[in-house]
Amino acid sequence: MPLVRQPLLNTVKTPEQRLPGLDLSDMLRSKGASMLVVTRKKDEKLIIGNEIEIQVLRIGRDNVRLGIKAPAHISIYRYEIYEAIKNENVSAVTSQIPDKETLEKISKGMKAE
């Protein structure tokens, strides 16, 4: 019989089933967050789905260097860059929406034709 592995987040349900490094997952899940908390050492890896591999390359005093292998069609951004892109996109869309006065003028112009 082949070994079938279930995702860790779905298998950790009771305190008796906790695995090392997952001690905060129950608390995070109860607050509405969907976050798996794991502990990794240098050179250890995580796999997300079947395509994304994350490896701890270096552990410094104030930072951790991660290596990420993923298919080219998956965008990977640092969170602050992602937020800046998202905010810029919202600003661009908002600046293209005419105000109420402009909409009324356009509407009146269309009715006149």
N, C-alpha and C. Protein backbone atom coordinates (compact mmCIF):
# COMPACT_ATOMS: atom_id res chain seq x y z
N MET A 1 0.84 -1.19 0.00
CA MET A 1 0.00 0.00 0.00
C MET A 1 0.88 1.25 0.00
N PRO A 2 0.67 2.18 -0.94
CA PRO A 2 1.51 3.38 -1.02
C PRO A 2 1.25 4.33 0.15
N LEU A 3 2.29 5.03 0.53
CA LEU A 3 2.18 6.01 1.61
C LEU A 3 1.53 7.28 1.07
N VAL A 4 0.43 7.69 1.68
CA VAL A 4 -0.27 8.90 1.28
C VAL A 4 -0.11 9.92 2.38
N ARG A 5 0.49 11.07 2.04
CA ARG A 5 0.72 12.12 3.05
C ARG A 5 -0.35 13.18 2.92
N GLN A 6 -0.91 13.55 4.03
CA GLN A 6 -1.90 14.62 4.08
C GLN A 6 -1.19 15.92 4.44
N PRO A 7 -1.70 17.08 3.98
CA PRO A 7 -1.10 18.35 4.39
C PRO A 7 -1.09 18.49 5.91
N LEU A 8 0.00 19.04 6.46
CA LEU A 8 0.13 19.16 7.91
C LEU A 8 -1.00 19.97 8.54
N LEU A 9 -1.44 21.05 7.89
CA LEU A 9 -2.46 21.90 8.47
C LEU A 9 -3.76 21.15 8.70
N ASN A 10 -4.08 20.21 7.82
CA ASN A 10 -5.32 19.45 7.97
C ASN A 10 -5.21 18.30 8.95
N THR A 11 -3.99 17.84 9.23
CA THR A 11 -3.84 16.67 10.08
C THR A 11 -3.67 17.03 11.55
N VAL A 12 -3.26 18.24 11.87
CA VAL A 12 -3.05 18.63 13.26
C VAL A 12 -4.37 19.17 13.80
N LYS A 13 -5.08 18.32 14.57
CA LYS A 13 -6.40 18.71 15.05
C LYS A 13 -6.49 18.76 16.56
N THR A 14 -5.77 17.91 17.24
CA THR A 14 -5.84 17.87 18.69
C THR A 14 -4.45 18.05 19.26
N PRO A 15 -4.34 18.44 20.54
CA PRO A 15 -3.02 18.60 21.14
C PRO A 15 -2.18 17.32 21.07
N GLU A 16 -2.82 16.17 21.13
CA GLU A 16 -2.09 14.90 21.07
C GLU A 16 -1.46 14.67 19.70
N GLN A 17 -2.01 15.29 18.65
CA GLN A 17 -1.53 15.09 17.29
C GLN A 17 -0.51 16.13 16.87
N ARG A 18 -0.14 17.06 17.74
CA ARG A 18 0.80 18.11 17.37
C ARG A 18 2.16 17.53 17.00
N LEU A 19 2.78 18.15 16.00
CA LEU A 19 4.13 17.79 15.60
C LEU A 19 5.08 18.89 16.07
N PRO A 20 6.37 18.58 16.25
CA PRO A 20 7.31 19.63 16.66
C PRO A 20 7.29 20.79 15.67
N GLY A 21 7.24 22.02 16.21
CA GLY A 21 7.25 23.20 15.36
C GLY A 21 5.87 23.69 14.98
N LEU A 22 4.82 22.99 15.38
CA LEU A 22 3.47 23.41 15.02
C LEU A 22 2.68 23.90 16.22
N ASP A 23 3.36 24.28 17.27
CA ASP A 23 2.69 24.63 18.51
C ASP A 23 1.77 25.83 18.44
N LEU A 24 1.93 26.74 17.48
CA LEU A 24 1.08 27.91 17.39
C LEU A 24 -0.07 27.74 16.41
N SER A 25 -0.09 26.66 15.64
CA SER A 25 -1.07 26.55 14.57
C SER A 25 -2.51 26.51 15.09
N ASP A 26 -2.76 25.82 16.21
CA ASP A 26 -4.12 25.78 16.75
C ASP A 26 -4.57 27.17 17.19
N MET A 27 -3.68 27.93 17.84
CA MET A 27 -4.01 29.27 18.29
C MET A 27 -4.29 30.18 17.08
N LEU A 28 -3.45 30.09 16.05
CA LEU A 28 -3.63 30.93 14.88
C LEU A 28 -4.92 30.58 14.15
N ARG A 29 -5.23 29.29 14.06
CA ARG A 29 -6.44 28.88 13.36
C ARG A 29 -7.68 29.36 14.13
N SER A 30 -7.63 29.36 15.45
CA SER A 30 -8.79 29.76 16.24
C SER A 30 -9.08 31.25 16.11
N LYS A 31 -8.08 32.04 15.74
CA LYS A 31 -8.29 33.49 15.57
C LYS A 31 -8.66 33.84 14.13
N GLY A 32 -8.99 32.84 13.32
CA GLY A 32 -9.43 33.10 11.97
C GLY A 32 -8.30 33.12 10.95
N ALA A 33 -7.05 33.05 11.42
CA ALA A 33 -5.93 33.04 10.48
C ALA A 33 -5.73 31.63 9.95
N SER A 34 -5.18 31.54 8.78
CA SER A 34 -4.89 30.25 8.17
C SER A 34 -3.39 30.18 7.96
N MET A 35 -2.66 29.92 9.02
CA MET A 35 -1.20 29.94 8.94
C MET A 35 -0.64 28.68 9.59
N LEU A 36 0.22 28.03 8.86
CA LEU A 36 0.94 26.89 9.40
C LEU A 36 2.27 27.40 9.92
N VAL A 37 2.60 27.12 11.16
CA VAL A 37 3.85 27.57 11.75
C VAL A 37 4.76 26.35 11.90
N VAL A 38 5.92 26.40 11.28
CA VAL A 38 6.87 25.29 11.34
C VAL A 38 8.24 25.79 11.76
N THR A 39 9.04 24.88 12.26
CA THR A 39 10.42 25.18 12.63
C THR A 39 11.33 24.47 11.64
N ARG A 40 12.29 25.18 11.07
CA ARG A 40 13.23 24.60 10.12
C ARG A 40 14.64 25.03 10.53
N LYS A 41 15.60 24.18 10.28
CA LYS A 41 17.01 24.49 10.50
C LYS A 41 17.66 24.78 9.15
N LYS A 42 18.90 25.26 9.20
CA LYS A 42 19.63 25.56 7.97
C LYS A 42 19.64 24.34 7.05
N ASP A 43 19.43 24.59 5.78
CA ASP A 43 19.40 23.58 4.71
C ASP A 43 18.15 22.71 4.70
N GLU A 44 17.24 22.89 5.64
CA GLU A 44 15.98 22.12 5.61
C GLU A 44 15.00 22.82 4.66
N LYS A 45 14.05 22.04 4.15
CA LYS A 45 13.13 22.53 3.13
C LYS A 45 11.68 22.33 3.51
N LEU A 46 10.83 23.09 2.81
CA LEU A 46 9.38 22.92 2.83
C LEU A 46 8.93 22.75 1.39
N ILE A 47 7.88 22.01 1.17
CA ILE A 47 7.28 21.87 -0.14
C ILE A 47 5.85 22.37 -0.05
N ILE A 48 5.47 23.26 -0.97
CA ILE A 48 4.10 23.77 -1.06
C ILE A 48 3.51 23.20 -2.34
N GLY A 49 2.43 22.45 -2.19
CA GLY A 49 1.87 21.76 -3.35
C GLY A 49 2.90 20.80 -3.89
N ASN A 50 2.95 20.66 -5.19
CA ASN A 50 3.95 19.80 -5.81
C ASN A 50 5.01 20.59 -6.55
N GLU A 51 4.89 21.93 -6.54
CA GLU A 51 5.73 22.75 -7.40
C GLU A 51 6.65 23.73 -6.69
N ILE A 52 6.36 24.09 -5.46
CA ILE A 52 7.11 25.16 -4.79
C ILE A 52 7.95 24.57 -3.66
N GLU A 53 9.24 24.87 -3.70
CA GLU A 53 10.18 24.38 -2.70
C GLU A 53 10.84 25.58 -2.02
N ILE A 54 10.83 25.60 -0.71
CA ILE A 54 11.45 26.68 0.06
C ILE A 54 12.53 26.06 0.94
N GLN A 55 13.73 26.63 0.88
CA GLN A 55 14.85 26.09 1.65
C GLN A 55 15.47 27.21 2.49
N VAL A 56 15.79 26.90 3.73
CA VAL A 56 16.50 27.84 4.59
C VAL A 56 17.97 27.78 4.20
N LEU A 57 18.49 28.87 3.64
CA LEU A 57 19.88 28.89 3.17
C LEU A 57 20.85 29.39 4.24
N ARG A 58 20.40 30.39 5.00
CA ARG A 58 21.29 30.99 6.00
C ARG A 58 20.44 31.58 7.11
N ILE A 59 20.92 31.48 8.32
CA ILE A 59 20.24 32.08 9.46
C ILE A 59 21.20 33.09 10.07
N GLY A 60 20.81 34.37 10.04
CA GLY A 60 21.64 35.44 10.58
C GLY A 60 21.10 35.90 11.92
N ARG A 61 21.66 36.99 12.41
CA ARG A 61 21.20 37.53 13.69
C ARG A 61 19.79 38.09 13.58
N ASP A 62 19.55 38.87 12.52
CA ASP A 62 18.25 39.54 12.38
C ASP A 62 17.48 39.11 11.14
N ASN A 63 17.98 38.12 10.42
CA ASN A 63 17.27 37.73 9.20
C ASN A 63 17.50 36.27 8.87
N VAL A 64 16.71 35.79 7.96
CA VAL A 64 16.82 34.43 7.46
C VAL A 64 16.85 34.53 5.95
N ARG A 65 17.79 33.86 5.31
CA ARG A 65 17.83 33.84 3.85
C ARG A 65 17.16 32.56 3.37
N LEU A 66 16.14 32.75 2.52
CA LEU A 66 15.38 31.64 1.98
C LEU A 66 15.65 31.50 0.50
N GLY A 67 15.68 30.28 0.02
CA GLY A 67 15.74 30.02 -1.41
C GLY A 67 14.39 29.45 -1.82
N ILE A 68 13.85 29.95 -2.92
CA ILE A 68 12.53 29.51 -3.37
C ILE A 68 12.63 29.01 -4.81
N LYS A 69 12.23 27.77 -5.03
CA LYS A 69 12.14 27.22 -6.38
C LYS A 69 10.66 27.11 -6.71
N ALA A 70 10.26 27.74 -7.82
CA ALA A 70 8.87 27.72 -8.24
C ALA A 70 8.81 27.84 -9.76
N PRO A 71 7.72 27.36 -10.35
CA PRO A 71 7.56 27.52 -11.80
C PRO A 71 7.53 29.00 -12.19
N ALA A 72 7.91 29.28 -13.42
CA ALA A 72 7.99 30.66 -13.90
C ALA A 72 6.64 31.38 -13.87
N HIS A 73 5.54 30.65 -13.96
CA HIS A 73 4.22 31.28 -13.99
C HIS A 73 3.74 31.74 -12.61
N ILE A 74 4.49 31.42 -11.56
CA ILE A 74 4.11 31.84 -10.21
C ILE A 74 4.94 33.06 -9.82
N SER A 75 4.26 34.16 -9.52
CA SER A 75 4.94 35.39 -9.11
C SER A 75 5.34 35.29 -7.65
N ILE A 76 6.56 35.70 -7.36
CA ILE A 76 7.06 35.69 -5.98
C ILE A 76 7.57 37.10 -5.68
N TYR A 77 7.00 37.72 -4.65
CA TYR A 77 7.40 39.07 -4.25
C TYR A 77 7.66 39.10 -2.75
N ARG A 78 8.55 39.98 -2.33
CA ARG A 78 8.62 40.30 -0.90
C ARG A 78 7.30 40.99 -0.57
N TYR A 79 6.81 40.83 0.64
CA TYR A 79 5.49 41.34 1.01
C TYR A 79 5.36 42.84 0.79
N GLU A 80 6.39 43.60 1.16
CA GLU A 80 6.30 45.07 1.03
C GLU A 80 6.23 45.48 -0.44
N ILE A 81 6.88 44.75 -1.33
CA ILE A 81 6.80 45.04 -2.76
C ILE A 81 5.41 44.70 -3.27
N TYR A 82 4.87 43.57 -2.85
CA TYR A 82 3.52 43.17 -3.24
C TYR A 82 2.50 44.22 -2.82
N GLU A 83 2.61 44.72 -1.59
CA GLU A 83 1.69 45.75 -1.10
C GLU A 83 1.81 47.03 -1.92
N ALA A 84 3.03 47.43 -2.27
CA ALA A 84 3.23 48.64 -3.07
C ALA A 84 2.59 48.47 -4.45
N ILE A 85 2.76 47.31 -5.07
CA ILE A 85 2.15 47.05 -6.38
C ILE A 85 0.63 47.09 -6.27
N LYS A 86 0.10 46.45 -5.24
CA LYS A 86 -1.35 46.43 -5.03
C LYS A 86 -1.90 47.84 -4.83
N ASN A 87 -1.24 48.65 -4.02
CA ASN A 87 -1.69 50.03 -3.77
C ASN A 87 -1.61 50.87 -5.04
N GLU A 88 -0.56 50.67 -5.83
CA GLU A 88 -0.42 51.40 -7.08
C GLU A 88 -1.53 51.03 -8.06
N ASN A 89 -1.89 49.74 -8.10
CA ASN A 89 -2.98 49.30 -8.98
C ASN A 89 -4.32 49.90 -8.55
N VAL A 90 -4.56 49.95 -7.24
CA VAL A 90 -5.80 50.56 -6.73
C VAL A 90 -5.83 52.04 -7.08
N SER A 91 -4.70 52.73 -6.91
CA SER A 91 -4.64 54.16 -7.25
C SER A 91 -4.89 54.39 -8.73
N ALA A 92 -4.32 53.54 -9.56
CA ALA A 92 -4.50 53.69 -11.01
C ALA A 92 -5.96 53.51 -11.41
N VAL A 93 -6.62 52.54 -10.83
CA VAL A 93 -8.03 52.30 -11.15
C VAL A 93 -8.89 53.44 -10.61
N THR A 94 -8.62 53.88 -9.39
CA THR A 94 -9.39 54.96 -8.77
C THR A 94 -9.26 56.26 -9.55
N SER A 95 -8.07 56.53 -10.06
CA SER A 95 -7.87 57.78 -10.81
C SER A 95 -8.60 57.77 -12.15
N GLN A 96 -8.99 56.61 -12.63
CA GLN A 96 -9.70 56.49 -13.90
C GLN A 96 -11.22 56.57 -13.76
N ILE A 97 -11.71 56.53 -12.52
CA ILE A 97 -13.15 56.59 -12.28
C ILE A 97 -13.56 58.06 -12.20
N PRO A 98 -14.45 58.52 -13.10
CA PRO A 98 -14.86 59.92 -13.07
C PRO A 98 -15.72 60.23 -11.84
N ASP A 99 -15.66 61.49 -11.40
CA ASP A 99 -16.47 61.90 -10.26
C ASP A 99 -17.95 62.04 -10.69
N LYS A 100 -18.82 62.28 -9.73
CA LYS A 100 -20.26 62.34 -9.98
C LYS A 100 -20.62 63.45 -10.98
N GLU A 101 -19.98 64.61 -10.84
CA GLU A 101 -20.24 65.74 -11.73
C GLU A 101 -19.93 65.39 -13.18
N THR A 102 -18.80 64.78 -13.41
CA THR A 102 -18.39 64.39 -14.76
C THR A 102 -19.36 63.37 -15.34
N LEU A 103 -19.77 62.41 -14.53
CA LEU A 103 -20.72 61.40 -14.99
C LEU A 103 -22.05 62.04 -15.39
N GLU A 104 -22.51 63.03 -14.62
CA GLU A 104 -23.76 63.71 -14.95
C GLU A 104 -23.64 64.47 -16.26
N LYS A 105 -22.51 65.14 -16.50
CA LYS A 105 -22.29 65.86 -17.75
C LYS A 105 -22.30 64.90 -18.93
N ILE A 106 -21.64 63.77 -18.77
CA ILE A 106 -21.60 62.77 -19.84
C ILE A 106 -23.00 62.24 -20.10
N SER A 107 -23.72 61.99 -19.04
CA SER A 107 -25.09 61.45 -19.16
C SER A 107 -25.99 62.45 -19.87
N LYS A 108 -25.90 63.74 -19.52
CA LYS A 108 -26.71 64.78 -20.16
C LYS A 108 -26.34 64.91 -21.63
N GLY A 109 -25.04 64.81 -21.94
CA GLY A 109 -24.57 64.89 -23.31
C GLY A 109 -25.10 63.74 -24.15
N MET A 110 -25.21 62.59 -23.58
CA MET A 110 -25.71 61.41 -24.31
C MET A 110 -27.23 61.53 -24.55
N LYS A 111 -27.94 62.11 -23.57
CA LYS A 111 -29.38 62.27 -23.70
C LYS A 111 -29.72 63.32 -24.77
N ALA A 112 -28.87 64.32 -24.92
CA ALA A 112 -29.10 65.39 -25.88
C ALA A 112 -28.98 64.87 -27.31
N GLU A 113 -28.18 63.85 -27.52
CA GLU A 113 -28.00 63.30 -28.87
C GLU A 113 -29.16 62.48 -29.18
